[in-house]
């Protein structure tokens, strides 16, 4: 599911990032990598605020629809 539809306050595993290579490299430098763990803190108006390791990152609606996640086991 896209991260914009993901449940709040649950650990999620990043499955795929469906963007062009330039954007994908930028997201990787921020820590958004395939098989990484991310937690959605809030979601509204298309924007998503996520916890990534010990930091927080805000994703706009364009990017948050292209990051596919699943609940971490």
C-alpha atoms as a PDB file:
ATOM      1  CA  UNK A   1       0.000   0.000   0.000  1.00  0.00           C
ATOM      2  CA  UNK A   2       1.206   3.573  -0.510  1.00  0.00           C
ATOM      3  CA  UNK A   3       2.523   5.193   2.664  1.00  0.00           C
ATOM      4  CA  UNK A   4      -0.223   7.827   2.433  1.00  0.00           C
ATOM      5  CA  UNK A   5      -2.778   5.059   3.219  1.00  0.00           C
ATOM      6  CA  UNK A   6      -0.698   3.357   5.921  1.00  0.00           C
ATOM      7  CA  UNK A   7      -1.856   3.122   9.555  1.00  0.00           C
ATOM      8  CA  UNK A   8      -0.468   5.644  12.037  1.00  0.00           C
ATOM      9  CA  UNK A   9       2.029   4.657  14.769  1.00  0.00           C
ATOM     10  CA  UNK A  10       2.853   1.245  13.300  1.00  0.00           C
ATOM     11  CA  UNK A  11       6.253   0.076  12.112  1.00  0.00           C
ATOM     12  CA  UNK A  12       6.225  -0.366   8.356  1.00  0.00           C
ATOM     13  CA  UNK A  13       8.686  -1.967   5.974  1.00  0.00           C
ATOM     14  CA  UNK A  14       9.470  -0.078   2.776  1.00  0.00           C
ATOM     15  CA  UNK A  15       8.855  -2.436  -0.135  1.00  0.00           C
ATOM     16  CA  UNK A  16       9.488  -0.226  -3.171  1.00  0.00           C
ATOM     17  CA  UNK A  17      10.073   3.369  -4.161  1.00  0.00           C
ATOM     18  CA  UNK A  18       8.409   4.087  -7.514  1.00  0.00           C
ATOM     19  CA  UNK A  19      10.198   7.260  -8.610  1.00  0.00           C
ATOM     20  CA  UNK A  20      12.840   8.252 -11.109  1.00  0.00           C
ATOM     21  CA  UNK A  21      16.475   7.478 -10.285  1.00  0.00           C
ATOM     22  CA  UNK A  22      17.368  11.029  -9.221  1.00  0.00           C
ATOM     23  CA  UNK A  23      14.535  11.208  -6.674  1.00  0.00           C
ATOM     24  CA  UNK A  24      15.221   7.649  -5.516  1.00  0.00           C
ATOM     25  CA  UNK A  25      18.884   8.529  -4.813  1.00  0.00           C
ATOM     26  CA  UNK A  26      17.789  11.622  -2.862  1.00  0.00           C
ATOM     27  CA  UNK A  27      15.354   9.588  -0.760  1.00  0.00           C
ATOM     28  CA  UNK A  28      18.050   6.971  -0.128  1.00  0.00           C
ATOM     29  CA  UNK A  29      20.367   9.692   1.156  1.00  0.00           C
ATOM     30  CA  UNK A  30      17.595  10.645   3.619  1.00  0.00           C
ATOM     31  CA  UNK A  31      17.303   7.028   4.781  1.00  0.00           C
ATOM     32  CA  UNK A  32      14.271   5.903   2.783  1.00  0.00           C
ATOM     33  CA  UNK A  33      15.593   2.651   1.360  1.00  0.00           C
ATOM     34  CA  UNK A  34      14.065  -0.630   0.281  1.00  0.00           C
ATOM     35  CA  UNK A  35      13.539  -2.942   3.299  1.00  0.00           C
ATOM     36  CA  UNK A  36      13.973   0.017   5.676  1.00  0.00           C
ATOM     37  CA  UNK A  37      11.669   0.585   8.645  1.00  0.00           C
ATOM     38  CA  UNK A  38       9.500   3.717   8.812  1.00  0.00           C
ATOM     39  CA  UNK A  39       6.615   4.822  11.086  1.00  0.00           C
ATOM     40  CA  UNK A  40       3.837   7.221  10.046  1.00  0.00           C
ATOM     41  CA  UNK A  41       3.320   9.836  12.765  1.00  0.00           C
ATOM     42  CA  UNK A  42       0.574  11.855  11.069  1.00  0.00           C
ATOM     43  CA  UNK A  43      -1.186  12.093   7.755  1.00  0.00           C
ATOM     44  CA  UNK A  44      -3.431  14.803   6.413  1.00  0.00           C
ATOM     45  CA  UNK A  45      -4.062  16.762   3.258  1.00  0.00           C
ATOM     46  CA  UNK A  46      -1.828  14.431   1.300  1.00  0.00           C
ATOM     47  CA  UNK A  47       1.265  15.179   3.384  1.00  0.00           C
ATOM     48  CA  UNK A  48       2.713  12.479   5.616  1.00  0.00           C
ATOM     49  CA  UNK A  49       5.053  12.988   8.588  1.00  0.00           C
ATOM     50  CA  UNK A  50       7.177   9.922   9.274  1.00  0.00           C
ATOM     51  CA  UNK A  51       9.660   8.771  11.876  1.00  0.00           C
ATOM     52  CA  UNK A  52      12.774   7.390  10.269  1.00  0.00           C
ATOM     53  CA  UNK A  53      15.368   6.013  12.676  1.00  0.00           C
ATOM     54  CA  UNK A  54      15.727   8.862  15.219  1.00  0.00           C
ATOM     55  CA  UNK A  55      14.531  11.701  12.970  1.00  0.00           C
ATOM     56  CA  UNK A  56      11.347  12.901  11.342  1.00  0.00           C
ATOM     57  CA  UNK A  57      10.661  13.660   7.709  1.00  0.00           C
ATOM     58  CA  UNK A  58       7.683  15.198   5.921  1.00  0.00           C
ATOM     59  CA  UNK A  59       6.664  13.813   2.537  1.00  0.00           C
ATOM     60  CA  UNK A  60       4.354  15.655   0.156  1.00  0.00           C
ATOM     61  CA  UNK A  61       1.438  13.958  -1.583  1.00  0.00           C
ATOM     62  CA  UNK A  62       3.425  13.390  -4.780  1.00  0.00           C
ATOM     63  CA  UNK A  63       6.146  11.340  -3.053  1.00  0.00           C
ATOM     64  CA  UNK A  64       3.930   9.688  -0.423  1.00  0.00           C
ATOM     65  CA  UNK A  65       1.885   7.949  -3.110  1.00  0.00           C
ATOM     66  CA  UNK A  66       5.043   6.444  -4.647  1.00  0.00           C
ATOM     67  CA  UNK A  67       6.498   4.806  -1.529  1.00  0.00           C
ATOM     68  CA  UNK A  68       4.991   1.351  -1.065  1.00  0.00           C
ATOM     69  CA  UNK A  69       5.010  -0.178   2.430  1.00  0.00           C
ATOM     70  CA  UNK A  70       3.724  -3.192   4.337  1.00  0.00           C
ATOM     71  CA  UNK A  71       3.386  -3.831   8.043  1.00  0.00           C
ATOM     72  CA  UNK A  72       6.687  -5.002   9.516  1.00  0.00           C
ATOM     73  CA  UNK A  73       6.594  -8.455  11.079  1.00  0.00           C
END
